Every structure is written in structure tokens, then in C-alpha cells.
Amino acid sequence: VDVERGDRTYRYPCRLALPMDAEIDVVKLGLMRQALRMS
């Protein structure tokens, strides 16, 4: 997950434990929120 702020990019490897059939929008939002918490 890349978090871009101004002219800087911060990259985070994220992992979210969910079943394989989880809704992709839920997965993506969870991964992005994790990156923000890691920042």
C-alpha cells in the first residue's frame, strides 16, 4: 500500500486475515486503513 503525501510516497506491506471469499471492497479498505495506522 502506497500512501502519498505531497511529494513523498510511503510504502507499507500489509496483511489482513479474512476468508478467501471476503468482499474485495472490505479487504481493500482494511488494507488501506492498516497502512494509515502503520504510517
PDB file of all heavy atoms in Angstrom:
ATOM      1  N   VAL A   1       0.856  -1.188   0.000  1.00  0.00           N
ATOM      2  CA  VAL A   1       0.000   0.000   0.000  1.00  0.00           C
ATOM      3  C   VAL A   1       0.890   1.234   0.000  1.00  0.00           C
ATOM      4  O   VAL A   1       1.780   1.368   0.840  1.00  0.00           O
ATOM      5  CB  VAL A   1      -0.940   0.009   1.226  1.00  0.00           C
ATOM      6  CG1 VAL A   1      -1.857   1.216   1.178  1.00  0.00           C
ATOM      7  CG2 VAL A   1      -1.750  -1.280   1.304  1.00  0.00           C
ATOM      8  N   ASP A   2       0.665   2.119  -0.966  1.00  0.00           N
ATOM      9  CA  ASP A   2       1.412   3.368  -1.055  1.00  0.00           C
ATOM     10  C   ASP A   2       0.565   4.503  -0.502  1.00  0.00           C
ATOM     11  O   ASP A   2      -0.591   4.674  -0.908  1.00  0.00           O
ATOM     12  CB  ASP A   2       1.768   3.688  -2.504  1.00  0.00           C
ATOM     13  CG  ASP A   2       2.759   2.706  -3.106  1.00  0.00           C
ATOM     14  OD1 ASP A   2       3.340   1.902  -2.350  1.00  0.00           O
ATOM     15  OD2 ASP A   2       2.951   2.740  -4.330  1.00  0.00           O
ATOM     16  N   VAL A   3       1.148   5.265   0.415  1.00  0.00           N
ATOM     17  CA  VAL A   3       0.498   6.453   0.959  1.00  0.00           C
ATOM     18  C   VAL A   3       1.307   7.643   0.442  1.00  0.00           C
ATOM     19  O   VAL A   3       2.477   7.795   0.766  1.00  0.00           O
ATOM     20  CB  VAL A   3       0.477   6.441   2.502  1.00  0.00           C
ATOM     21  CG1 VAL A   3      -0.156   7.719   3.042  1.00  0.00           C
ATOM     22  CG2 VAL A   3      -0.257   5.215   3.027  1.00  0.00           C
ATOM     23  N   GLU A   4       0.669   8.452  -0.388  1.00  0.00           N
ATOM     24  CA  GLU A   4       1.341   9.616  -0.967  1.00  0.00           C
ATOM     25  C   GLU A   4       0.886  10.866  -0.239  1.00  0.00           C
ATOM     26  O   GLU A   4      -0.310  11.127  -0.116  1.00  0.00           O
ATOM     27  CB  GLU A   4       1.009   9.734  -2.454  1.00  0.00           C
ATOM     28  CG  GLU A   4       1.501   8.562  -3.263  1.00  0.00           C
ATOM     29  CD  GLU A   4       1.059   8.617  -4.712  1.00  0.00           C
ATOM     30  OE1 GLU A   4       0.312   9.553  -5.088  1.00  0.00           O
ATOM     31  OE2 GLU A   4       1.444   7.713  -5.465  1.00  0.00           O
ATOM     32  N   ARG A   5       1.860  11.620   0.247  1.00  0.00           N
ATOM     33  CA  ARG A   5       1.588  12.891   0.912  1.00  0.00           C
ATOM     34  C   ARG A   5       2.509  13.930   0.303  1.00  0.00           C
ATOM     35  O   ARG A   5       3.734  13.838   0.455  1.00  0.00           O
ATOM     36  CB  ARG A   5       1.845  12.789   2.410  1.00  0.00           C
ATOM     37  CG  ARG A   5       0.826  11.935   3.107  1.00  0.00           C
ATOM     38  CD  ARG A   5       0.906  12.101   4.618  1.00  0.00           C
ATOM     39  NE  ARG A   5      -0.075  11.236   5.229  1.00  0.00           N
ATOM     40  CZ  ARG A   5       0.218  10.216   6.025  1.00  0.00           C
ATOM     41  NH1 ARG A   5       1.465   9.956   6.327  1.00  0.00           N
ATOM     42  NH2 ARG A   5      -0.737   9.472   6.531  1.00  0.00           N
ATOM     43  N   GLY A   6       1.902  14.873  -0.381  1.00  0.00           N
ATOM     44  CA  GLY A   6       2.721  15.878  -1.060  1.00  0.00           C
ATOM     45  C   GLY A   6       3.594  15.201  -2.102  1.00  0.00           C
ATOM     46  O   GLY A   6       3.106  14.454  -2.938  1.00  0.00           O
ATOM     47  N   ASP A   7       4.894  15.428  -2.023  1.00  0.00           N
ATOM     48  CA  ASP A   7       5.822  14.825  -2.978  1.00  0.00           C
ATOM     49  C   ASP A   7       6.497  13.568  -2.428  1.00  0.00           C
ATOM     50  O   ASP A   7       7.465  13.080  -2.992  1.00  0.00           O
ATOM     51  CB  ASP A   7       6.873  15.848  -3.416  1.00  0.00           C
ATOM     52  CG  ASP A   7       7.712  16.353  -2.251  1.00  0.00           C
ATOM     53  OD1 ASP A   7       7.339  16.086  -1.087  1.00  0.00           O
ATOM     54  OD2 ASP A   7       8.736  17.021  -2.507  1.00  0.00           O
ATOM     55  N   ARG A   8       6.002  13.031  -1.326  1.00  0.00           N
ATOM     56  CA  ARG A   8       6.594  11.832  -0.699  1.00  0.00           C
ATOM     57  C   ARG A   8       5.648  10.650  -0.819  1.00  0.00           C
ATOM     58  O   ARG A   8       4.443  10.798  -0.717  1.00  0.00           O
ATOM     59  CB  ARG A   8       6.870  12.073   0.790  1.00  0.00           C
ATOM     60  CG  ARG A   8       7.686  13.291   1.141  1.00  0.00           C
ATOM     61  CD  ARG A   8       9.162  13.095   1.204  1.00  0.00           C
ATOM     62  NE  ARG A   8       9.599  11.829   1.704  1.00  0.00           N
ATOM     63  CZ  ARG A   8      10.451  11.655   2.695  1.00  0.00           C
ATOM     64  NH1 ARG A   8      10.908  12.692   3.339  1.00  0.00           N
ATOM     65  NH2 ARG A   8      10.849  10.463   3.040  1.00  0.00           N
ATOM     66  N   THR A   9       6.241   9.463  -0.992  1.00  0.00           N
ATOM     67  CA  THR A   9       5.476   8.221  -1.020  1.00  0.00           C
ATOM     68  C   THR A   9       6.005   7.302   0.070  1.00  0.00           C
ATOM     69  O   THR A   9       7.209   7.067   0.153  1.00  0.00           O
ATOM     70  CB  THR A   9       5.590   7.524  -2.391  1.00  0.00           C
ATOM     71  OG1 THR A   9       5.068   8.400  -3.391  1.00  0.00           O
ATOM     72  CG2 THR A   9       4.797   6.222  -2.406  1.00  0.00           C
ATOM     73  N   TYR A  10       5.115   6.795   0.890  1.00  0.00           N
ATOM     74  CA  TYR A  10       5.460   5.858   1.961  1.00  0.00           C
ATOM     75  C   TYR A  10       4.840   4.514   1.587  1.00  0.00           C
ATOM     76  O   TYR A  10       3.647   4.448   1.291  1.00  0.00           O
ATOM     77  CB  TYR A  10       4.913   6.355   3.299  1.00  0.00           C
ATOM     78  CG  TYR A  10       5.377   7.747   3.633  1.00  0.00           C
ATOM     79  CD1 TYR A  10       4.631   8.860   3.255  1.00  0.00           C
ATOM     80  CD2 TYR A  10       6.577   7.955   4.304  1.00  0.00           C
ATOM     81  CE1 TYR A  10       5.058  10.142   3.536  1.00  0.00           C
ATOM     82  CE2 TYR A  10       7.017   9.247   4.597  1.00  0.00           C
ATOM     83  CZ  TYR A  10       6.253  10.323   4.210  1.00  0.00           C
ATOM     84  OH  TYR A  10       6.689  11.596   4.495  1.00  0.00           O
ATOM     85  N   ARG A  11       5.658   3.450   1.595  1.00  0.00           N
ATOM     86  CA  ARG A  11       5.174   2.124   1.185  1.00  0.00           C
ATOM     87  C   ARG A  11       5.113   1.195   2.391  1.00  0.00           C
ATOM     88  O   ARG A  11       6.049   1.117   3.178  1.00  0.00           O
ATOM     89  CB  ARG A  11       6.104   1.541   0.138  1.00  0.00           C
ATOM     90  CG  ARG A  11       6.033   2.319  -1.138  1.00  0.00           C
ATOM     91  CD  ARG A  11       6.665   1.589  -2.296  1.00  0.00           C
ATOM     92  NE  ARG A  11       6.285   2.257  -3.523  1.00  0.00           N
ATOM     93  CZ  ARG A  11       7.108   3.013  -4.228  1.00  0.00           C
ATOM     94  NH1 ARG A  11       8.352   3.144  -3.850  1.00  0.00           N
ATOM     95  NH2 ARG A  11       6.670   3.598  -5.316  1.00  0.00           N
ATOM     96  N   TYR A  12       4.010   0.454   2.467  1.00  0.00           N
ATOM     97  CA  TYR A  12       3.796  -0.457   3.585  1.00  0.00           C
ATOM     98  C   TYR A  12       3.353  -1.829   3.087  1.00  0.00           C
ATOM     99  O   TYR A  12       2.431  -1.925   2.284  1.00  0.00           O
ATOM    100  CB  TYR A  12       2.719   0.102   4.523  1.00  0.00           C
ATOM    101  CG  TYR A  12       3.070   1.462   5.051  1.00  0.00           C
ATOM    102  CD1 TYR A  12       2.543   2.610   4.472  1.00  0.00           C
ATOM    103  CD2 TYR A  12       3.966   1.609   6.103  1.00  0.00           C
ATOM    104  CE1 TYR A  12       2.883   3.867   4.934  1.00  0.00           C
ATOM    105  CE2 TYR A  12       4.311   2.862   6.571  1.00  0.00           C
ATOM    106  CZ  TYR A  12       3.772   3.984   5.987  1.00  0.00           C
ATOM    107  OH  TYR A  12       4.120   5.225   6.444  1.00  0.00           O
ATOM    108  N   PRO A  13       3.978  -2.887   3.579  1.00  0.00           N
ATOM    109  CA  PRO A  13       3.480  -4.236   3.293  1.00  0.00           C
ATOM    110  C   PRO A  13       2.352  -4.530   4.282  1.00  0.00           C
ATOM    111  O   PRO A  13       2.549  -4.469   5.494  1.00  0.00           O
ATOM    112  CB  PRO A  13       4.694  -5.125   3.544  1.00  0.00           C
ATOM    113  CG  PRO A  13       5.493  -4.374   4.568  1.00  0.00           C
ATOM    114  CD  PRO A  13       5.221  -2.907   4.323  1.00  0.00           C
ATOM    115  N   CYS A  14       1.179  -4.822   3.781  1.00  0.00           N
ATOM    116  CA  CYS A  14       0.029  -5.031   4.664  1.00  0.00           C
ATOM    117  C   CYS A  14      -0.543  -6.426   4.490  1.00  0.00           C
ATOM    118  O   CYS A  14      -0.464  -7.021   3.420  1.00  0.00           O
ATOM    119  CB  CYS A  14      -1.043  -3.981   4.379  1.00  0.00           C
ATOM    120  SG  CYS A  14      -0.502  -2.319   4.777  1.00  0.00           S
ATOM    121  N   ARG A  15      -1.125  -6.926   5.581  1.00  0.00           N
ATOM    122  CA  ARG A  15      -1.733  -8.265   5.599  1.00  0.00           C
ATOM    123  C   ARG A  15      -3.005  -8.186   6.420  1.00  0.00           C
ATOM    124  O   ARG A  15      -3.045  -7.586   7.486  1.00  0.00           O
ATOM    125  CB  ARG A  15      -0.753  -9.233   6.237  1.00  0.00           C
ATOM    126  CG  ARG A  15      -1.272 -10.649   6.329  1.00  0.00           C
ATOM    127  CD  ARG A  15      -0.256 -11.566   6.960  1.00  0.00           C
ATOM    128  NE  ARG A  15       0.886 -11.706   6.063  1.00  0.00           N
ATOM    129  CZ  ARG A  15       2.067 -12.137   6.452  1.00  0.00           C
ATOM    130  NH1 ARG A  15       2.287 -12.448   7.706  1.00  0.00           N
ATOM    131  NH2 ARG A  15       3.052 -12.252   5.587  1.00  0.00           N
ATOM    132  N   LEU A  16      -4.065  -8.826   5.894  1.00  0.00           N
ATOM    133  CA  LEU A  16      -5.363  -8.803   6.565  1.00  0.00           C
ATOM    134  C   LEU A  16      -5.938 -10.211   6.566  1.00  0.00           C
ATOM    135  O   LEU A  16      -6.206 -10.774   5.509  1.00  0.00           O
ATOM    136  CB  LEU A  16      -6.297  -7.837   5.830  1.00  0.00           C
ATOM    137  CG  LEU A  16      -7.658  -7.573   6.432  1.00  0.00           C
ATOM    138  CD1 LEU A  16      -7.529  -6.933   7.807  1.00  0.00           C
ATOM    139  CD2 LEU A  16      -8.462  -6.677   5.505  1.00  0.00           C
ATOM    140  N   ALA A  17      -6.106 -10.770   7.746  1.00  0.00           N
ATOM    141  CA  ALA A  17      -6.625 -12.138   7.880  1.00  0.00           C
ATOM    142  C   ALA A  17      -8.143 -12.134   7.721  1.00  0.00           C
ATOM    143  O   ALA A  17      -8.873 -11.666   8.588  1.00  0.00           O
ATOM    144  CB  ALA A  17      -6.238 -12.722   9.235  1.00  0.00           C
ATOM    145  N   LEU A  18      -8.598 -12.627   6.574  1.00  0.00           N
ATOM    146  CA  LEU A  18     -10.011 -12.766   6.260  1.00  0.00           C
ATOM    147  C   LEU A  18     -10.174 -14.008   5.396  1.00  0.00           C
ATOM    148  O   LEU A  18      -9.227 -14.435   4.739  1.00  0.00           O
ATOM    149  CB  LEU A  18     -10.530 -11.544   5.480  1.00  0.00           C
ATOM    150  CG  LEU A  18     -10.719 -10.247   6.244  1.00  0.00           C
ATOM    151  CD1 LEU A  18     -11.077  -9.124   5.283  1.00  0.00           C
ATOM    152  CD2 LEU A  18     -11.803 -10.390   7.289  1.00  0.00           C
ATOM    153  N   PRO A  19     -11.367 -14.572   5.347  1.00  0.00           N
ATOM    154  CA  PRO A  19     -11.579 -15.729   4.468  1.00  0.00           C
ATOM    155  C   PRO A  19     -11.441 -15.328   2.996  1.00  0.00           C
ATOM    156  O   PRO A  19     -11.650 -14.168   2.624  1.00  0.00           O
ATOM    157  CB  PRO A  19     -12.998 -16.190   4.787  1.00  0.00           C
ATOM    158  CG  PRO A  19     -13.642 -15.065   5.506  1.00  0.00           C
ATOM    159  CD  PRO A  19     -12.561 -14.228   6.109  1.00  0.00           C
ATOM    160  N   MET A  20     -11.112 -16.293   2.159  1.00  0.00           N
ATOM    161  CA  MET A  20     -10.870 -16.038   0.748  1.00  0.00           C
ATOM    162  C   MET A  20     -12.093 -15.447   0.036  1.00  0.00           C
ATOM    163  O   MET A  20     -11.958 -14.696  -0.926  1.00  0.00           O
ATOM    164  CB  MET A  20     -10.452 -17.329   0.041  1.00  0.00           C
ATOM    165  CG  MET A  20     -10.053 -17.114  -1.381  1.00  0.00           C
ATOM    166  SD  MET A  20      -9.317 -18.515  -2.256  1.00  0.00           S
ATOM    167  CE  MET A  20      -9.934 -19.936  -1.456  1.00  0.00           C
ATOM    168  N   ASP A  21     -13.283 -15.727   0.530  1.00  0.00           N
ATOM    169  CA  ASP A  21     -14.493 -15.223  -0.126  1.00  0.00           C
ATOM    170  C   ASP A  21     -14.976 -13.880   0.436  1.00  0.00           C
ATOM    171  O   ASP A  21     -16.104 -13.457   0.165  1.00  0.00           O
ATOM    172  CB  ASP A  21     -15.614 -16.254  -0.064  1.00  0.00           C
ATOM    173  CG  ASP A  21     -16.025 -16.606   1.366  1.00  0.00           C
ATOM    174  OD1 ASP A  21     -15.330 -16.186   2.315  1.00  0.00           O
ATOM    175  OD2 ASP A  21     -17.041 -17.311   1.536  1.00  0.00           O
ATOM    176  N   ALA A  22     -14.123 -13.196   1.179  1.00  0.00           N
ATOM    177  CA  ALA A  22     -14.488 -11.876   1.715  1.00  0.00           C
ATOM    178  C   ALA A  22     -14.705 -10.902   0.556  1.00  0.00           C
ATOM    179  O   ALA A  22     -14.086 -11.021  -0.505  1.00  0.00           O
ATOM    180  CB  ALA A  22     -13.390 -11.360   2.637  1.00  0.00           C
ATOM    181  N   GLU A  23     -15.582  -9.938   0.768  1.00  0.00           N
ATOM    182  CA  GLU A  23     -15.845  -8.937  -0.265  1.00  0.00           C
ATOM    183  C   GLU A  23     -14.592  -8.103  -0.499  1.00  0.00           C
ATOM    184  O   GLU A  23     -13.971  -7.620   0.450  1.00  0.00           O
ATOM    185  CB  GLU A  23     -17.006  -8.038   0.142  1.00  0.00           C
ATOM    186  CG  GLU A  23     -18.338  -8.756   0.136  1.00  0.00           C
ATOM    187  CD  GLU A  23     -19.492  -7.794   0.281  1.00  0.00           C
ATOM    188  OE1 GLU A  23     -19.407  -6.672  -0.257  1.00  0.00           O
ATOM    189  OE2 GLU A  23     -20.464  -8.178   0.934  1.00  0.00           O
ATOM    190  N   ILE A  24     -14.242  -7.934  -1.774  1.00  0.00           N
ATOM    191  CA  ILE A  24     -12.984  -7.273  -2.111  1.00  0.00           C
ATOM    192  C   ILE A  24     -12.933  -5.829  -1.628  1.00  0.00           C
ATOM    193  O   ILE A  24     -11.873  -5.347  -1.229  1.00  0.00           O
ATOM    194  CB  ILE A  24     -12.681  -7.377  -3.629  1.00  0.00           C
ATOM    195  CG1 ILE A  24     -11.232  -6.987  -3.929  1.00  0.00           C
ATOM    196  CG2 ILE A  24     -13.667  -6.559  -4.429  1.00  0.00           C
ATOM    197  CD1 ILE A  24     -10.192  -7.880  -3.318  1.00  0.00           C
ATOM    198  N   ASP A  25     -14.058  -5.119  -1.613  1.00  0.00           N
ATOM    199  CA  ASP A  25     -14.039  -3.739  -1.120  1.00  0.00           C
ATOM    200  C   ASP A  25     -13.723  -3.687   0.372  1.00  0.00           C
ATOM    201  O   ASP A  25     -13.037  -2.777   0.838  1.00  0.00           O
ATOM    202  CB  ASP A  25     -15.365  -3.034  -1.395  1.00  0.00           C
ATOM    203  CG  ASP A  25     -15.550  -2.706  -2.872  1.00  0.00           C
ATOM    204  OD1 ASP A  25     -14.540  -2.700  -3.614  1.00  0.00           O
ATOM    205  OD2 ASP A  25     -16.692  -2.461  -3.286  1.00  0.00           O
ATOM    206  N   VAL A  26     -14.202  -4.662   1.134  1.00  0.00           N
ATOM    207  CA  VAL A  26     -13.897  -4.754   2.567  1.00  0.00           C
ATOM    208  C   VAL A  26     -12.406  -5.024   2.747  1.00  0.00           C
ATOM    209  O   VAL A  26     -11.746  -4.425   3.601  1.00  0.00           O
ATOM    210  CB  VAL A  26     -14.744  -5.856   3.240  1.00  0.00           C
ATOM    211  CG1 VAL A  26     -14.288  -6.104   4.664  1.00  0.00           C
ATOM    212  CG2 VAL A  26     -16.214  -5.484   3.194  1.00  0.00           C
ATOM    213  N   VAL A  27     -11.863  -5.921   1.936  1.00  0.00           N
ATOM    214  CA  VAL A  27     -10.438  -6.264   2.003  1.00  0.00           C
ATOM    215  C   VAL A  27      -9.591  -5.032   1.702  1.00  0.00           C
ATOM    216  O   VAL A  27      -8.672  -4.692   2.453  1.00  0.00           O
ATOM    217  CB  VAL A  27     -10.108  -7.401   1.010  1.00  0.00           C
ATOM    218  CG1 VAL A  27      -8.607  -7.614   0.903  1.00  0.00           C
ATOM    219  CG2 VAL A  27     -10.818  -8.680   1.398  1.00  0.00           C
ATOM    220  N   LYS A  28      -9.902  -4.342   0.622  1.00  0.00           N
ATOM    221  CA  LYS A  28      -9.107  -3.181   0.217  1.00  0.00           C
ATOM    222  C   LYS A  28      -9.147  -2.075   1.263  1.00  0.00           C
ATOM    223  O   LYS A  28      -8.116  -1.481   1.594  1.00  0.00           O
ATOM    224  CB  LYS A  28      -9.588  -2.660  -1.135  1.00  0.00           C
ATOM    225  CG  LYS A  28      -9.258  -3.588  -2.279  1.00  0.00           C
ATOM    226  CD  LYS A  28      -9.807  -3.049  -3.587  1.00  0.00           C
ATOM    227  CE  LYS A  28      -9.448  -3.943  -4.755  1.00  0.00           C
ATOM    228  NZ  LYS A  28      -9.957  -3.418  -6.031  1.00  0.00           N
ATOM    229  N   LEU A  29     -10.322  -1.802   1.788  1.00  0.00           N
ATOM    230  CA  LEU A  29     -10.438  -0.764   2.810  1.00  0.00           C
ATOM    231  C   LEU A  29      -9.647  -1.145   4.063  1.00  0.00           C
ATOM    232  O   LEU A  29      -8.959  -0.312   4.651  1.00  0.00           O
ATOM    233  CB  LEU A  29     -11.910  -0.514   3.151  1.00  0.00           C
ATOM    234  CG  LEU A  29     -12.183   0.655   4.084  1.00  0.00           C
ATOM    235  CD1 LEU A  29     -11.649   1.959   3.512  1.00  0.00           C
ATOM    236  CD2 LEU A  29     -13.670   0.767   4.360  1.00  0.00           C
ATOM    237  N   GLY A  30      -9.718  -2.403   4.465  1.00  0.00           N
ATOM    238  CA  GLY A  30      -8.952  -2.865   5.630  1.00  0.00           C
ATOM    239  C   GLY A  30      -7.454  -2.738   5.428  1.00  0.00           C
ATOM    240  O   GLY A  30      -6.726  -2.318   6.336  1.00  0.00           O
ATOM    241  N   LEU A  31      -6.970  -3.075   4.249  1.00  0.00           N
ATOM    242  CA  LEU A  31      -5.539  -2.951   3.952  1.00  0.00           C
ATOM    243  C   LEU A  31      -5.097  -1.490   3.961  1.00  0.00           C
ATOM    244  O   LEU A  31      -4.039  -1.148   4.506  1.00  0.00           O
ATOM    245  CB  LEU A  31      -5.222  -3.598   2.604  1.00  0.00           C
ATOM    246  CG  LEU A  31      -5.335  -5.119   2.540  1.00  0.00           C
ATOM    247  CD1 LEU A  31      -5.341  -5.604   1.094  1.00  0.00           C
ATOM    248  CD2 LEU A  31      -4.208  -5.790   3.332  1.00  0.00           C
ATOM    249  N   MET A  32      -5.918  -0.616   3.399  1.00  0.00           N
ATOM    250  CA  MET A  32      -5.567   0.806   3.376  1.00  0.00           C
ATOM    251  C   MET A  32      -5.573   1.404   4.781  1.00  0.00           C
ATOM    252  O   MET A  32      -4.699   2.190   5.137  1.00  0.00           O
ATOM    253  CB  MET A  32      -6.507   1.565   2.457  1.00  0.00           C
ATOM    254  CG  MET A  32      -6.273   1.229   0.997  1.00  0.00           C
ATOM    255  SD  MET A  32      -7.241   2.221  -0.157  1.00  0.00           S
ATOM    256  CE  MET A  32      -8.839   1.442  -0.016  1.00  0.00           C
ATOM    257  N   ARG A  33      -6.538   1.023   5.584  1.00  0.00           N
ATOM    258  CA  ARG A  33      -6.579   1.528   6.966  1.00  0.00           C
ATOM    259  C   ARG A  33      -5.368   1.042   7.759  1.00  0.00           C
ATOM    260  O   ARG A  33      -4.820   1.772   8.580  1.00  0.00           O
ATOM    261  CB  ARG A  33      -7.867   1.088   7.645  1.00  0.00           C
ATOM    262  CG  ARG A  33      -9.060   1.869   7.179  1.00  0.00           C
ATOM    263  CD  ARG A  33     -10.320   1.447   7.892  1.00  0.00           C
ATOM    264  NE  ARG A  33     -11.425   2.326   7.511  1.00  0.00           N
ATOM    265  CZ  ARG A  33     -12.673   2.059   7.753  1.00  0.00           C
ATOM    266  NH1 ARG A  33     -13.014   0.941   8.374  1.00  0.00           N
ATOM    267  NH2 ARG A  33     -13.619   2.885   7.383  1.00  0.00           N
ATOM    268  N   GLN A  34      -4.957  -0.193   7.503  1.00  0.00           N
ATOM    269  CA  GLN A  34      -3.776  -0.710   8.190  1.00  0.00           C
ATOM    270  C   GLN A  34      -2.542   0.115   7.828  1.00  0.00           C
ATOM    271  O   GLN A  34      -1.734   0.449   8.693  1.00  0.00           O
ATOM    272  CB  GLN A  34      -3.544  -2.175   7.836  1.00  0.00           C
ATOM    273  CG  GLN A  34      -2.353  -2.763   8.555  1.00  0.00           C
ATOM    274  CD  GLN A  34      -2.074  -4.192   8.130  1.00  0.00           C
ATOM    275  OE1 GLN A  34      -2.277  -4.567   6.983  1.00  0.00           O
ATOM    276  NE2 GLN A  34      -1.607  -4.974   9.067  1.00  0.00           N
ATOM    277  N   ALA A  35      -2.392   0.459   6.560  1.00  0.00           N
ATOM    278  CA  ALA A  35      -1.251   1.270   6.131  1.00  0.00           C
ATOM    279  C   ALA A  35      -1.252   2.632   6.819  1.00  0.00           C
ATOM    280  O   ALA A  35      -0.203   3.110   7.252  1.00  0.00           O
ATOM    281  CB  ALA A  35      -1.262   1.438   4.621  1.00  0.00           C
ATOM    282  N   LEU A  36      -2.425   3.237   6.942  1.00  0.00           N
ATOM    283  CA  LEU A  36      -2.504   4.527   7.627  1.00  0.00           C
ATOM    284  C   LEU A  36      -2.099   4.410   9.093  1.00  0.00           C
ATOM    285  O   LEU A  36      -1.433   5.287   9.634  1.00  0.00           O
ATOM    286  CB  LEU A  36      -3.910   5.113   7.514  1.00  0.00           C
ATOM    287  CG  LEU A  36      -4.293   5.652   6.144  1.00  0.00           C
ATOM    288  CD1 LEU A  36      -5.750   6.075   6.126  1.00  0.00           C
ATOM    289  CD2 LEU A  36      -3.392   6.804   5.746  1.00  0.00           C
ATOM    290  N   ARG A  37      -2.490   3.316   9.741  1.00  0.00           N
ATOM    291  CA  ARG A  37      -2.093   3.105  11.142  1.00  0.00           C
ATOM    292  C   ARG A  37      -0.591   2.884  11.259  1.00  0.00           C
ATOM    293  O   ARG A  37       0.027   3.267  12.254  1.00  0.00           O
ATOM    294  CB  ARG A  37      -2.839   1.928  11.741  1.00  0.00           C
ATOM    295  CG  ARG A  37      -4.286   2.205  12.064  1.00  0.00           C
ATOM    296  CD  ARG A  37      -4.916   1.107  12.907  1.00  0.00           C
ATOM    297  NE  ARG A  37      -4.737  -0.221  12.356  1.00  0.00           N
ATOM    298  CZ  ARG A  37      -5.583  -0.836  11.532  1.00  0.00           C
ATOM    299  NH1 ARG A  37      -6.671  -0.217  11.143  1.00  0.00           N
ATOM    300  NH2 ARG A  37      -5.336  -2.052  11.105  1.00  0.00           N
ATOM    301  N   MET A  38       0.017   2.259  10.262  1.00  0.00           N
ATOM    302  CA  MET A  38       1.452   1.978  10.285  1.00  0.00           C
ATOM    303  C   MET A  38       2.286   3.228  10.015  1.00  0.00           C
ATOM    304  O   MET A  38       3.456   3.285  10.369  1.00  0.00           O
ATOM    305  CB  MET A  38       1.803   0.913   9.232  1.00  0.00           C
ATOM    306  CG  MET A  38       1.223  -0.443   9.528  1.00  0.00           C
ATOM    307  SD  MET A  38       1.407  -1.593   8.150  1.00  0.00           S
ATOM    308  CE  MET A  38       3.173  -1.787   8.095  1.00  0.00           C
ATOM    309  N   SER A  39       1.689   4.214   9.391  1.00  0.00           N
ATOM    310  CA  SER A  39       2.423   5.406   8.988  1.00  0.00           C
ATOM    311  C   SER A  39       2.895   6.192  10.198  1.00  0.00           C
ATOM    312  O   SER A  39       2.136   6.459  11.115  1.00  0.00           O
ATOM    313  CB  SER A  39       1.522   6.289   8.117  1.00  0.00           C
ATOM    314  OG  SER A  39       2.237   7.417   7.689  1.00  0.00           O
TER     315      SER A  39
END
